[in-house]
Amino acid sequence: MEIKKQIEKAKQGDQTAFTFLLDYYWNEVYSFMLIRTENETDAEDITIETFSKAFDKISTYNNEFQFNTWLIAIAKNGHIDLLRKRKSSLFVEITEDEDQKAHNVADTTPSVEDKLITEQNLSQLLKFIKELKPHYQEVIQMRYFQEMSYQEIANKIDEPLSNVKIKILRAKNLLAEIIQKGK
């Protein structure tokens, strides 16, 4: 019942509900993709893309089906797309117009994780950040130390805006967990 409430809140644009769903289903989608891809980086990239697409299209989700089944279907399609891209030597560039259409998955108001991050002693914080995977370190560093906008980060790392928002959300959640364990 709690999941259905969170999905409904997410459909209304509730950021906390998005975070809840990401945290709740991350391991399931990631584990599924890890088995399929046998590659941590690919599994993580596809999982990020899955949540990005799911949050962009959450209004199309049909409550008659399980939410995790819907996410897994998106992930499978993402994996198929990745395989097709690798088979094709063509590089398809994401246009700025497509990038601008990305829905606002993560807003800019400071969250609990943001407050934890900024309250920590800097040297201790840097030690915790080094425990993250390099691509999470990179987006945290750009967002919180270089104070870059989501769009600036997307441009710099050449990824869609919605993927950057999911990566930052995931990085903040992982960092908050590391900080809590370190206390």
C-alpha atoms as a PDB file:
ATOM      1  CA  MET A   1       0.000   0.000   0.000  1.00  0.00           C
ATOM      2  CA  GLU A   2       2.874   2.390   0.847  1.00  0.00           C
ATOM      3  CA  ILE A   3       4.357   1.913  -2.637  1.00  0.00           C
ATOM      4  CA  LYS A   4       1.084   2.864  -4.339  1.00  0.00           C
ATOM      5  CA  LYS A   5       0.897   6.035  -2.231  1.00  0.00           C
ATOM      6  CA  GLN A   6       4.466   6.940  -3.161  1.00  0.00           C
ATOM      7  CA  ILE A   7       3.772   6.312  -6.856  1.00  0.00           C
ATOM      8  CA  GLU A   8       0.719   8.575  -6.709  1.00  0.00           C
ATOM      9  CA  LYS A   9       2.753  11.286  -4.964  1.00  0.00           C
ATOM     10  CA  ALA A  10       5.488  10.900  -7.599  1.00  0.00           C
ATOM     11  CA  LYS A  11       2.881  11.328 -10.338  1.00  0.00           C
ATOM     12  CA  GLN A  12       2.043  14.665  -8.694  1.00  0.00           C
ATOM     13  CA  GLY A  13       5.736  15.659  -8.855  1.00  0.00           C
ATOM     14  CA  ASP A  14       6.610  14.999  -5.194  1.00  0.00           C
ATOM     15  CA  GLN A  15      10.433  14.909  -4.952  1.00  0.00           C
ATOM     16  CA  THR A  16      10.419  12.879  -1.724  1.00  0.00           C
ATOM     17  CA  ALA A  17       8.331  10.203  -3.435  1.00  0.00           C
ATOM     18  CA  PHE A  18      10.817  10.034  -6.337  1.00  0.00           C
ATOM     19  CA  THR A  19      13.650   9.594  -3.835  1.00  0.00           C
ATOM     20  CA  PHE A  20      11.709   6.894  -1.971  1.00  0.00           C
ATOM     21  CA  LEU A  21      11.031   4.952  -5.197  1.00  0.00           C
ATOM     22  CA  LEU A  22      14.655   5.292  -6.333  1.00  0.00           C
ATOM     23  CA  ASP A  23      15.940   3.989  -3.000  1.00  0.00           C
ATOM     24  CA  TYR A  24      13.333   1.245  -2.756  1.00  0.00           C
ATOM     25  CA  TYR A  25      13.840  -0.193  -6.265  1.00  0.00           C
ATOM     26  CA  TRP A  26      17.482   0.693  -7.029  1.00  0.00           C
ATOM     27  CA  ASN A  27      19.023  -2.605  -5.881  1.00  0.00           C
ATOM     28  CA  GLU A  28      16.413  -4.724  -7.649  1.00  0.00           C
ATOM     29  CA  VAL A  29      16.877  -2.987 -11.016  1.00  0.00           C
ATOM     30  CA  TYR A  30      20.668  -2.752 -10.634  1.00  0.00           C
ATOM     31  CA  SER A  31      20.995  -6.447  -9.672  1.00  0.00           C
ATOM     32  CA  PHE A  32      18.809  -7.488 -12.586  1.00  0.00           C
ATOM     33  CA  MET A  33      20.939  -5.469 -15.023  1.00  0.00           C
ATOM     34  CA  LEU A  34      24.189  -6.698 -13.478  1.00  0.00           C
ATOM     35  CA  ILE A  35      23.163 -10.291 -14.186  1.00  0.00           C
ATOM     36  CA  ARG A  36      22.204  -9.358 -17.763  1.00  0.00           C
ATOM     37  CA  THR A  37      25.224  -7.198 -18.598  1.00  0.00           C
ATOM     38  CA  GLU A  38      27.863  -8.846 -16.377  1.00  0.00           C
ATOM     39  CA  ASN A  39      29.389  -5.369 -16.170  1.00  0.00           C
ATOM     40  CA  GLU A  40      29.012  -3.025 -13.166  1.00  0.00           C
ATOM     41  CA  THR A  41      29.410   0.168 -15.199  1.00  0.00           C
ATOM     42  CA  ASP A  42      26.856  -0.849 -17.826  1.00  0.00           C
ATOM     43  CA  ALA A  43      24.440  -2.056 -15.136  1.00  0.00           C
ATOM     44  CA  GLU A  44      24.743   1.218 -13.253  1.00  0.00           C
ATOM     45  CA  ASP A  45      24.395   3.344 -16.412  1.00  0.00           C
ATOM     46  CA  ILE A  46      21.307   1.432 -17.509  1.00  0.00           C
ATOM     47  CA  THR A  47      19.812   1.660 -14.006  1.00  0.00           C
ATOM     48  CA  ILE A  48      20.342   5.432 -13.935  1.00  0.00           C
ATOM     49  CA  GLU A  49      18.785   5.719 -17.373  1.00  0.00           C
ATOM     50  CA  THR A  50      15.888   3.477 -16.286  1.00  0.00           C
ATOM     51  CA  PHE A  51      14.972   5.710 -13.357  1.00  0.00           C
ATOM     52  CA  SER A  52      15.438   8.809 -15.473  1.00  0.00           C
ATOM     53  CA  LYS A  53      12.998   7.478 -18.083  1.00  0.00           C
ATOM     54  CA  ALA A  54      10.600   6.161 -15.438  1.00  0.00           C
ATOM     55  CA  PHE A  55      10.418   9.518 -13.675  1.00  0.00           C
ATOM     56  CA  ASP A  56       9.983  11.353 -16.976  1.00  0.00           C
ATOM     57  CA  LYS A  57       7.116   9.035 -17.938  1.00  0.00           C
ATOM     58  CA  ILE A  58       5.629   8.185 -14.547  1.00  0.00           C
ATOM     59  CA  SER A  59       2.293   9.665 -15.597  1.00  0.00           C
ATOM     60  CA  THR A  60       1.985   6.804 -18.134  1.00  0.00           C
ATOM     61  CA  TYR A  61       2.470   4.101 -15.476  1.00  0.00           C
ATOM     62  CA  ASN A  62      -0.570   1.799 -15.236  1.00  0.00           C
ATOM     63  CA  ASN A  63      -1.379   0.864 -11.609  1.00  0.00           C
ATOM     64  CA  GLU A  64      -2.739  -2.513 -12.730  1.00  0.00           C
ATOM     65  CA  PHE A  65       0.849  -3.721 -13.124  1.00  0.00           C
ATOM     66  CA  GLN A  66       3.599  -4.036 -10.536  1.00  0.00           C
ATOM     67  CA  PHE A  67       5.877  -0.973 -10.470  1.00  0.00           C
ATOM     68  CA  ASN A  68       9.033  -3.120 -10.390  1.00  0.00           C
ATOM     69  CA  THR A  69       7.839  -5.015 -13.484  1.00  0.00           C
ATOM     70  CA  TRP A  70       7.417  -1.686 -15.278  1.00  0.00           C
ATOM     71  CA  LEU A  71      10.927  -0.595 -14.208  1.00  0.00           C
ATOM     72  CA  ILE A  72      12.448  -3.906 -15.331  1.00  0.00           C
ATOM     73  CA  ALA A  73      10.747  -3.543 -18.741  1.00  0.00           C
ATOM     74  CA  ILE A  74      12.297  -0.080 -19.097  1.00  0.00           C
ATOM     75  CA  ALA A  75      15.680  -1.497 -18.041  1.00  0.00           C
ATOM     76  CA  LYS A  76      15.451  -4.359 -20.566  1.00  0.00           C
ATOM     77  CA  ASN A  77      14.719  -1.846 -23.319  1.00  0.00           C
ATOM     78  CA  GLY A  78      17.667   0.251 -22.148  1.00  0.00           C
ATOM     79  CA  HIS A  79      19.916  -2.801 -22.364  1.00  0.00           C
ATOM     80  CA  ILE A  80      18.666  -3.618 -25.870  1.00  0.00           C
ATOM     81  CA  ASP A  81      19.316   0.002 -26.886  1.00  0.00           C
ATOM     82  CA  LEU A  82      22.850  -0.215 -25.492  1.00  0.00           C
ATOM     83  CA  LEU A  83      23.538  -3.403 -27.452  1.00  0.00           C
ATOM     84  CA  ARG A  84      22.186  -1.807 -30.636  1.00  0.00           C
ATOM     85  CA  LYS A  85      24.337   1.279 -30.133  1.00  0.00           C
ATOM     86  CA  ARG A  86      27.413  -0.864 -29.698  1.00  0.00           C
ATOM     87  CA  LYS A  87      26.653  -2.818 -32.854  1.00  0.00           C
ATOM     88  CA  SER A  88      26.165   0.377 -34.771  1.00  0.00           C
ATOM     89  CA  SER A  89      29.236   2.476 -35.410  1.00  0.00           C
ATOM     90  CA  LEU A  90      27.041   5.546 -35.791  1.00  0.00           C
ATOM     91  CA  PHE A  91      27.104   8.110 -33.033  1.00  0.00           C
ATOM     92  CA  VAL A  92      23.708   9.623 -32.340  1.00  0.00           C
ATOM     93  CA  GLU A  93      24.065  13.028 -30.752  1.00  0.00           C
ATOM     94  CA  ILE A  94      21.419  14.206 -28.319  1.00  0.00           C
ATOM     95  CA  THR A  95      20.162  17.550 -29.521  1.00  0.00           C
ATOM     96  CA  GLU A  96      19.782  20.452 -27.123  1.00  0.00           C
ATOM     97  CA  ASP A  97      16.066  20.466 -27.863  1.00  0.00           C
ATOM     98  CA  GLU A  98      15.764  16.852 -26.635  1.00  0.00           C
ATOM     99  CA  ASP A  99      17.879  17.696 -23.621  1.00  0.00           C
ATOM    100  CA  GLN A 100      15.643  20.656 -22.755  1.00  0.00           C
ATOM    101  CA  LYS A 101      12.589  18.362 -22.747  1.00  0.00           C
ATOM    102  CA  ALA A 102      13.935  16.446 -19.735  1.00  0.00           C
ATOM    103  CA  HIS A 103      11.481  16.735 -16.855  1.00  0.00           C
ATOM    104  CA  ASN A 104      12.558  18.195 -13.557  1.00  0.00           C
ATOM    105  CA  VAL A 105      13.310  15.022 -11.600  1.00  0.00           C
ATOM    106  CA  ALA A 106      15.362  16.636  -8.871  1.00  0.00           C
ATOM    107  CA  ASP A 107      14.715  20.153  -7.672  1.00  0.00           C
ATOM    108  CA  THR A 108      17.328  22.584  -6.372  1.00  0.00           C
ATOM    109  CA  THR A 109      16.003  23.095  -2.837  1.00  0.00           C
ATOM    110  CA  PRO A 110      18.398  21.688  -0.229  1.00  0.00           C
ATOM    111  CA  SER A 111      17.380  18.262   1.018  1.00  0.00           C
ATOM    112  CA  VAL A 112      18.336  16.499   4.250  1.00  0.00           C
ATOM    113  CA  GLU A 113      21.270  14.954   2.378  1.00  0.00           C
ATOM    114  CA  ASP A 114      22.353  18.403   1.117  1.00  0.00           C
ATOM    115  CA  LYS A 115      22.323  19.766   4.667  1.00  0.00           C
ATOM    116  CA  LEU A 116      24.312  16.784   5.943  1.00  0.00           C
ATOM    117  CA  ILE A 117      26.824  17.279   3.151  1.00  0.00           C
ATOM    118  CA  THR A 118      27.363  20.974   3.826  1.00  0.00           C
ATOM    119  CA  GLU A 119      27.489  20.553   7.621  1.00  0.00           C
ATOM    120  CA  GLN A 120      30.318  18.023   7.582  1.00  0.00           C
ATOM    121  CA  ASN A 121      33.924  18.908   8.265  1.00  0.00           C
ATOM    122  CA  LEU A 122      35.531  19.399   4.840  1.00  0.00           C
ATOM    123  CA  SER A 123      38.449  16.986   5.245  1.00  0.00           C
ATOM    124  CA  GLN A 124      36.133  14.326   6.657  1.00  0.00           C
ATOM    125  CA  LEU A 125      33.685  14.982   3.842  1.00  0.00           C
ATOM    126  CA  LEU A 126      36.415  14.577   1.217  1.00  0.00           C
ATOM    127  CA  LYS A 127      37.387  11.254   2.805  1.00  0.00           C
ATOM    128  CA  PHE A 128      33.761  10.081   2.571  1.00  0.00           C
ATOM    129  CA  ILE A 129      33.451  11.281  -1.037  1.00  0.00           C
ATOM    130  CA  LYS A 130      36.508   9.210  -1.985  1.00  0.00           C
ATOM    131  CA  GLU A 131      34.537   6.106  -0.968  1.00  0.00           C
ATOM    132  CA  LEU A 132      32.076   6.754  -3.824  1.00  0.00           C
ATOM    133  CA  LYS A 133      32.634   5.395  -7.329  1.00  0.00           C
ATOM    134  CA  PRO A 134      34.533   7.871  -9.554  1.00  0.00           C
ATOM    135  CA  HIS A 135      31.517   8.990 -11.609  1.00  0.00           C
ATOM    136  CA  TYR A 136      29.620   9.813  -8.407  1.00  0.00           C
ATOM    137  CA  GLN A 137      32.670  11.640  -7.028  1.00  0.00           C
ATOM    138  CA  GLU A 138      32.744  13.677 -10.225  1.00  0.00           C
ATOM    139  CA  VAL A 139      29.118  14.871 -10.098  1.00  0.00           C
ATOM    140  CA  ILE A 140      29.272  15.622  -6.346  1.00  0.00           C
ATOM    141  CA  GLN A 141      32.464  17.613  -6.885  1.00  0.00           C
ATOM    142  CA  MET A 142      30.972  19.598  -9.778  1.00  0.00           C
ATOM    143  CA  ARG A 143      27.673  20.247  -7.997  1.00  0.00           C
ATOM    144  CA  TYR A 144      28.887  21.095  -4.491  1.00  0.00           C
ATOM    145  CA  PHE A 145      32.457  22.320  -4.898  1.00  0.00           C
ATOM    146  CA  GLN A 146      32.336  23.950  -8.320  1.00  0.00           C
ATOM    147  CA  GLU A 147      28.670  24.920  -7.738  1.00  0.00           C
ATOM    148  CA  MET A 148      27.738  23.992 -11.299  1.00  0.00           C
ATOM    149  CA  SER A 149      24.078  23.804 -12.329  1.00  0.00           C
ATOM    150  CA  TYR A 150      22.564  20.507 -13.436  1.00  0.00           C
ATOM    151  CA  GLN A 151      22.640  21.764 -17.028  1.00  0.00           C
ATOM    152  CA  GLU A 152      26.307  22.770 -16.806  1.00  0.00           C
ATOM    153  CA  ILE A 153      27.171  19.304 -15.456  1.00  0.00           C
ATOM    154  CA  ALA A 154      25.132  17.647 -18.223  1.00  0.00           C
ATOM    155  CA  ASN A 155      27.022  19.675 -20.822  1.00  0.00           C
ATOM    156  CA  LYS A 156      30.413  18.957 -19.248  1.00  0.00           C
ATOM    157  CA  ILE A 157      29.982  15.179 -18.962  1.00  0.00           C
ATOM    158  CA  ASP A 158      27.927  14.978 -22.165  1.00  0.00           C
ATOM    159  CA  GLU A 159      24.915  13.217 -20.661  1.00  0.00           C
ATOM    160  CA  PRO A 160      21.209  14.026 -20.721  1.00  0.00           C
ATOM    161  CA  LEU A 161      20.027  16.394 -18.000  1.00  0.00           C
ATOM    162  CA  SER A 162      17.664  13.805 -16.486  1.00  0.00           C
ATOM    163  CA  ASN A 163      20.534  11.275 -16.130  1.00  0.00           C
ATOM    164  CA  VAL A 164      22.629  13.895 -14.327  1.00  0.00           C
ATOM    165  CA  LYS A 165      19.791  14.576 -11.890  1.00  0.00           C
ATOM    166  CA  ILE A 166      19.421  10.867 -11.096  1.00  0.00           C
ATOM    167  CA  LYS A 167      23.208  10.468 -10.696  1.00  0.00           C
ATOM    168  CA  ILE A 168      23.369  13.387  -8.271  1.00  0.00           C
ATOM    169  CA  LEU A 169      20.370  12.088  -6.320  1.00  0.00           C
ATOM    170  CA  ARG A 170      21.944   8.620  -6.114  1.00  0.00           C
ATOM    171  CA  ALA A 171      25.361  10.058  -5.190  1.00  0.00           C
ATOM    172  CA  LYS A 172      23.820  12.162  -2.402  1.00  0.00           C
ATOM    173  CA  ASN A 173      21.955   9.153  -1.019  1.00  0.00           C
ATOM    174  CA  LEU A 174      25.083   6.967  -1.086  1.00  0.00           C
ATOM    175  CA  LEU A 175      27.156   9.739   0.474  1.00  0.00           C
ATOM    176  CA  ALA A 176      24.579  10.264   3.229  1.00  0.00           C
ATOM    177  CA  GLU A 177      24.745   6.510   3.988  1.00  0.00           C
ATOM    178  CA  ILE A 178      28.554   6.633   4.136  1.00  0.00           C
ATOM    179  CA  ILE A 179      28.440   9.684   6.421  1.00  0.00           C
ATOM    180  CA  GLN A 180      25.910   8.002   8.746  1.00  0.00           C
ATOM    181  CA  LYS A 181      28.089   4.868   8.967  1.00  0.00           C
ATOM    182  CA  GLY A 182      31.127   7.050   9.683  1.00  0.00           C
ATOM    183  CA  LYS A 183      29.513   8.732  12.696  1.00  0.00           C
END
